[in-house]
Amino acid sequence: MGVDAKSGMKSVEMSETAAKRITQILAKEPDKIALRVSVEGGGCSGFSYKMDLVDARNDDDIAIERDGATVLIDDLSLVYMGGSVIDFVDDLMGQSFQIRNPNAVASCGCGTSFSI
């Protein structure tokens, strides 16, 4: 797990599987450049993840890049996500991006919200 030189916080990693899936999705969306992952207040456990395809990078974004795929995370969300791994899972429950966050002390059953 690396430490971001700019912010001094633990960085976020992207799995090879997630990078492949992001590349596939962006190939079908020519006006989009990255997947933005952010943390918002709410959800059944206190915080929730939000994922969007975006066409621009903001000044406060940290870019995580792997195999041609880019994930953007803003400084504030990185505080809650430092040390996390973004993965893509394809199993009997379906296909989804999942975030393994070592900062979360509890999460909901659907995996989209967490508490710290």
C-alpha atoms as a PDB file:
ATOM      1  CA  MET A   1       0.000   0.000   0.000  1.00  0.00           C
ATOM      2  CA  GLY A   2       1.584   3.276  -1.095  1.00  0.00           C
ATOM      3  CA  VAL A   3       1.364   6.704   0.465  1.00  0.00           C
ATOM      4  CA  ASP A   4       0.343   9.605  -1.744  1.00  0.00           C
ATOM      5  CA  ALA A   5       3.172  12.155  -1.741  1.00  0.00           C
ATOM      6  CA  LYS A   6       0.785  15.085  -2.235  1.00  0.00           C
ATOM      7  CA  SER A   7      -1.622  14.323   0.582  1.00  0.00           C
ATOM      8  CA  GLY A   8       0.485  12.067   2.820  1.00  0.00           C
ATOM      9  CA  MET A   9      -2.466   9.625   3.056  1.00  0.00           C
ATOM     10  CA  LYS A  10      -2.575   5.952   2.159  1.00  0.00           C
ATOM     11  CA  SER A  11      -3.464   5.547  -1.459  1.00  0.00           C
ATOM     12  CA  VAL A  12      -6.265   3.510  -2.977  1.00  0.00           C
ATOM     13  CA  GLU A  13      -5.506   0.583  -5.272  1.00  0.00           C
ATOM     14  CA  MET A  14      -7.443  -0.820  -8.196  1.00  0.00           C
ATOM     15  CA  SER A  15      -7.454  -4.549  -8.940  1.00  0.00           C
ATOM     16  CA  GLU A  16      -6.580  -5.860 -12.390  1.00  0.00           C
ATOM     17  CA  THR A  17     -10.176  -7.072 -12.764  1.00  0.00           C
ATOM     18  CA  ALA A  18     -11.568  -3.618 -11.925  1.00  0.00           C
ATOM     19  CA  ALA A  19      -9.157  -1.963 -14.378  1.00  0.00           C
ATOM     20  CA  LYS A  20     -10.274  -4.307 -17.185  1.00  0.00           C
ATOM     21  CA  ARG A  21     -13.955  -3.644 -16.482  1.00  0.00           C
ATOM     22  CA  ILE A  22     -13.477   0.142 -16.315  1.00  0.00           C
ATOM     23  CA  THR A  23     -11.614   0.038 -19.649  1.00  0.00           C
ATOM     24  CA  GLN A  24     -14.479  -1.981 -21.201  1.00  0.00           C
ATOM     25  CA  ILE A  25     -17.107   0.455 -19.895  1.00  0.00           C
ATOM     26  CA  LEU A  26     -15.209   3.569 -21.019  1.00  0.00           C
ATOM     27  CA  ALA A  27     -14.682   2.086 -24.493  1.00  0.00           C
ATOM     28  CA  LYS A  28     -18.468   2.282 -24.932  1.00  0.00           C
ATOM     29  CA  GLU A  29     -18.634   5.833 -23.528  1.00  0.00           C
ATOM     30  CA  PRO A  30     -16.299   7.918 -25.749  1.00  0.00           C
ATOM     31  CA  ASP A  31     -17.093  11.203 -23.977  1.00  0.00           C
ATOM     32  CA  LYS A  32     -16.122   9.824 -20.531  1.00  0.00           C
ATOM     33  CA  ILE A  33     -12.535   9.630 -19.250  1.00  0.00           C
ATOM     34  CA  ALA A  34     -12.732   7.937 -15.846  1.00  0.00           C
ATOM     35  CA  LEU A  35     -14.775   6.336 -13.094  1.00  0.00           C
ATOM     36  CA  ARG A  36     -15.263   8.696 -10.140  1.00  0.00           C
ATOM     37  CA  VAL A  37     -15.634   7.070  -6.713  1.00  0.00           C
ATOM     38  CA  SER A  38     -16.759   9.291  -3.858  1.00  0.00           C
ATOM     39  CA  VAL A  39     -17.956   8.916  -0.288  1.00  0.00           C
ATOM     40  CA  GLU A  40     -21.181  10.603   0.800  1.00  0.00           C
ATOM     41  CA  GLY A  41     -23.040  10.821   4.073  1.00  0.00           C
ATOM     42  CA  GLY A  42     -26.048   8.514   4.221  1.00  0.00           C
ATOM     43  CA  GLY A  43     -26.826   4.911   3.576  1.00  0.00           C
ATOM     44  CA  CYS A  44     -27.907   2.435   6.226  1.00  0.00           C
ATOM     45  CA  SER A  45     -24.462   2.414   7.900  1.00  0.00           C
ATOM     46  CA  GLY A  46     -23.565   6.133   7.875  1.00  0.00           C
ATOM     47  CA  PHE A  47     -21.552   6.595   4.661  1.00  0.00           C
ATOM     48  CA  SER A  48     -22.143   5.359   1.138  1.00  0.00           C
ATOM     49  CA  TYR A  49     -20.059   5.019  -1.991  1.00  0.00           C
ATOM     50  CA  LYS A  50     -21.092   6.775  -5.162  1.00  0.00           C
ATOM     51  CA  MET A  51     -19.708   5.815  -8.580  1.00  0.00           C
ATOM     52  CA  ASP A  52     -20.111   7.849 -11.757  1.00  0.00           C
ATOM     53  CA  LEU A  53     -18.537   7.992 -15.190  1.00  0.00           C
ATOM     54  CA  VAL A  54     -17.101  11.485 -15.690  1.00  0.00           C
ATOM     55  CA  ASP A  55     -15.778  13.570 -18.560  1.00  0.00           C
ATOM     56  CA  ALA A  56     -13.433  15.842 -16.592  1.00  0.00           C
ATOM     57  CA  ARG A  57     -10.962  15.821 -13.735  1.00  0.00           C
ATOM     58  CA  ASN A  58     -11.322  18.264 -10.815  1.00  0.00           C
ATOM     59  CA  ASP A  59      -8.403  20.108  -9.221  1.00  0.00           C
ATOM     60  CA  ASP A  60      -8.719  18.155  -5.943  1.00  0.00           C
ATOM     61  CA  ASP A  61      -8.904  14.712  -7.606  1.00  0.00           C
ATOM     62  CA  ILE A  62      -6.384  11.975  -6.960  1.00  0.00           C
ATOM     63  CA  ALA A  63      -6.039   9.706 -10.012  1.00  0.00           C
ATOM     64  CA  ILE A  64      -5.482   5.987  -9.576  1.00  0.00           C
ATOM     65  CA  GLU A  65      -4.355   4.444 -12.863  1.00  0.00           C
ATOM     66  CA  ARG A  66      -3.815   0.859 -13.933  1.00  0.00           C
ATOM     67  CA  ASP A  67      -3.649  -0.789 -17.369  1.00  0.00           C
ATOM     68  CA  GLY A  68      -5.165   2.258 -19.088  1.00  0.00           C
ATOM     69  CA  ALA A  69      -8.055   2.640 -16.620  1.00  0.00           C
ATOM     70  CA  THR A  70      -8.452   5.713 -14.401  1.00  0.00           C
ATOM     71  CA  VAL A  71     -10.353   6.110 -11.140  1.00  0.00           C
ATOM     72  CA  LEU A  72     -10.740   9.613  -9.701  1.00  0.00           C
ATOM     73  CA  ILE A  73     -11.222  10.211  -5.977  1.00  0.00           C
ATOM     74  CA  ASP A  74     -11.526  13.660  -4.409  1.00  0.00           C
ATOM     75  CA  ASP A  75      -9.386  14.638  -1.395  1.00  0.00           C
ATOM     76  CA  LEU A  76     -12.286  14.474   1.077  1.00  0.00           C
ATOM     77  CA  SER A  77     -13.378  10.981  -0.005  1.00  0.00           C
ATOM     78  CA  LEU A  78      -9.768   9.784   0.128  1.00  0.00           C
ATOM     79  CA  VAL A  79      -9.761  10.501   3.881  1.00  0.00           C
ATOM     80  CA  TYR A  80     -12.390   7.746   4.305  1.00  0.00           C
ATOM     81  CA  MET A  81     -11.008   5.427   1.612  1.00  0.00           C
ATOM     82  CA  GLY A  82      -7.247   5.439   2.255  1.00  0.00           C
ATOM     83  CA  GLY A  83      -5.840   1.914   2.014  1.00  0.00           C
ATOM     84  CA  SER A  84      -8.878   0.574   0.135  1.00  0.00           C
ATOM     85  CA  VAL A  85      -8.877  -1.706  -2.889  1.00  0.00           C
ATOM     86  CA  ILE A  86     -11.415  -1.191  -5.671  1.00  0.00           C
ATOM     87  CA  ASP A  87     -12.337  -4.545  -7.197  1.00  0.00           C
ATOM     88  CA  PHE A  88     -14.823  -5.874  -9.738  1.00  0.00           C
ATOM     89  CA  VAL A  89     -16.633  -9.080  -8.828  1.00  0.00           C
ATOM     90  CA  ASP A  90     -18.605 -11.335 -11.144  1.00  0.00           C
ATOM     91  CA  ASP A  91     -20.258 -14.118  -9.143  1.00  0.00           C
ATOM     92  CA  LEU A  92     -23.630 -15.761  -8.534  1.00  0.00           C
ATOM     93  CA  MET A  93     -24.869 -12.582  -6.843  1.00  0.00           C
ATOM     94  CA  GLY A  94     -24.158 -10.580 -10.024  1.00  0.00           C
ATOM     95  CA  GLN A  95     -21.555  -8.169 -11.299  1.00  0.00           C
ATOM     96  CA  SER A  96     -20.462  -5.181  -9.241  1.00  0.00           C
ATOM     97  CA  PHE A  97     -17.614  -2.942  -8.255  1.00  0.00           C
ATOM     98  CA  GLN A  98     -16.696  -3.548  -4.617  1.00  0.00           C
ATOM     99  CA  ILE A  99     -14.521  -1.518  -2.294  1.00  0.00           C
ATOM    100  CA  ARG A 100     -12.551  -3.360   0.362  1.00  0.00           C
ATOM    101  CA  ASN A 101     -12.075  -0.600   2.912  1.00  0.00           C
ATOM    102  CA  PRO A 102      -9.881  -1.337   5.963  1.00  0.00           C
ATOM    103  CA  ASN A 103     -11.261   1.804   7.680  1.00  0.00           C
ATOM    104  CA  ALA A 104     -14.833   0.501   7.766  1.00  0.00           C
ATOM    105  CA  VAL A 105     -15.777  -1.034  11.101  1.00  0.00           C
ATOM    106  CA  ALA A 106     -19.227  -2.068   9.871  1.00  0.00           C
ATOM    107  CA  SER A 107     -20.944  -2.324   6.523  1.00  0.00           C
ATOM    108  CA  CYS A 108     -24.401  -3.145   5.276  1.00  0.00           C
ATOM    109  CA  GLY A 109     -25.355  -6.409   3.632  1.00  0.00           C
ATOM    110  CA  CYS A 110     -25.470  -4.888   0.161  1.00  0.00           C
ATOM    111  CA  GLY A 111     -21.928  -3.523   0.502  1.00  0.00           C
ATOM    112  CA  THR A 112     -22.762   0.014  -0.582  1.00  0.00           C
ATOM    113  CA  SER A 113     -22.599   1.720   2.814  1.00  0.00           C
ATOM    114  CA  PHE A 114     -20.250   1.586   5.778  1.00  0.00           C
ATOM    115  CA  SER A 115     -19.386   3.186   9.093  1.00  0.00           C
ATOM    116  CA  ILE A 116     -16.069   4.264  10.578  1.00  0.00           C
END
